[in-house]
Protein backbone atom coordinates (compact mmCIF):
# COMPACT_ATOMS: atom_id res chain seq x y z
CA UNK A 1 -62.70 170.95 22.69
CA UNK A 2 -64.31 171.52 19.11
CA UNK A 3 -64.75 175.05 17.84
CA UNK A 4 -66.25 174.95 14.48
CA UNK A 5 -64.76 172.39 12.30
CA UNK A 6 -61.25 172.77 14.05
CA UNK A 7 -60.47 170.35 17.04
CA UNK A 8 -58.17 171.97 19.65
CA UNK A 9 -56.24 169.57 21.72
CA UNK A 10 -55.10 170.53 25.24
CA UNK A 11 -52.18 168.51 26.57
CA UNK A 12 -50.93 169.25 30.02
CA UNK A 13 -47.55 168.11 31.43
CA UNK A 14 -47.35 165.07 33.63
CA UNK A 15 -47.73 165.35 37.30
CA UNK A 16 -44.21 164.08 37.92
CA UNK A 17 -42.49 166.63 35.64
CA UNK A 18 -44.60 169.53 37.15
CA UNK A 19 -43.45 168.42 40.59
CA UNK A 20 -39.86 168.22 39.55
CA UNK A 21 -40.05 171.76 37.96
CA UNK A 22 -41.37 173.25 41.09
CA UNK A 23 -38.74 171.44 43.20
CA UNK A 24 -36.11 172.98 40.70
CA UNK A 25 -37.64 176.45 40.89
CA UNK A 26 -37.76 176.27 44.84
CA UNK A 27 -34.14 175.14 45.09
CA UNK A 28 -32.93 177.75 42.79
CA UNK A 29 -34.83 180.64 44.71
CA UNK A 30 -33.24 179.23 47.99
CA UNK A 31 -29.71 179.34 46.61
CA UNK A 32 -30.29 182.97 45.44
CA UNK A 33 -31.67 183.96 48.84
CA UNK A 34 -28.83 182.18 50.48
CA UNK A 35 -26.05 183.70 48.18
CA UNK A 36 -27.71 187.18 48.80
CA UNK A 37 -28.04 186.83 52.55
CA UNK A 38 -24.51 185.64 52.94
CA UNK A 39 -23.12 188.58 51.24
CA UNK A 40 -25.04 190.92 53.06
CA UNK A 41 -24.09 189.45 56.35
CA UNK A 42 -20.35 189.29 55.35
CA UNK A 43 -20.41 192.95 54.26
CA UNK A 44 -22.06 194.09 57.76
CA UNK A 45 -19.68 191.95 59.90
CA UNK A 46 -16.71 193.32 58.10
CA UNK A 47 -17.47 196.97 58.70
CA UNK A 48 -19.16 196.73 62.05
CA UNK A 49 -16.49 194.75 63.69
CA UNK A 50 -13.66 196.79 62.78
CA UNK A 51 -15.24 200.04 64.10
CA UNK A 52 -16.16 198.41 67.37
CA UNK A 53 -12.63 197.52 67.94
CA UNK A 54 -11.31 200.87 67.10
CA UNK A 55 -13.73 202.29 69.72
CA UNK A 56 -12.80 200.09 72.54
CA UNK A 57 -8.91 200.75 72.45
CA UNK A 58 -7.51 201.03 76.03
CA UNK A 59 -3.91 202.08 75.76
CA UNK A 60 -3.04 201.80 79.51
CA UNK A 61 -4.53 201.94 82.75
CA UNK A 62 -2.56 202.43 86.21
CA UNK A 63 -4.45 200.87 88.97
CA UNK A 64 -1.82 202.16 91.64
CA UNK A 65 -2.86 205.89 90.92
CA UNK A 66 -5.36 207.30 93.12
CA UNK A 67 -6.62 210.02 90.71
CA UNK A 68 -8.47 207.57 88.76
CA UNK A 69 -7.38 208.69 85.33
CA UNK A 70 -7.01 206.84 82.27
CA UNK A 71 -4.15 207.63 80.10
């Protein structure tokens, strides 16, 4: 391209380097999403499981008693 007396040269990167850059960006994004999701899942599992265990505690049950009470 020539504008006035100055010649502007336009060079692009090679297609191979462009593909490698796109792959590197995609891999980095996947690692970030994986790390974020594993942290989120870990925090949800840590709190939810403990609360469920505390709610389902049965201290004793006497099957011989006919009044059907749970003690």
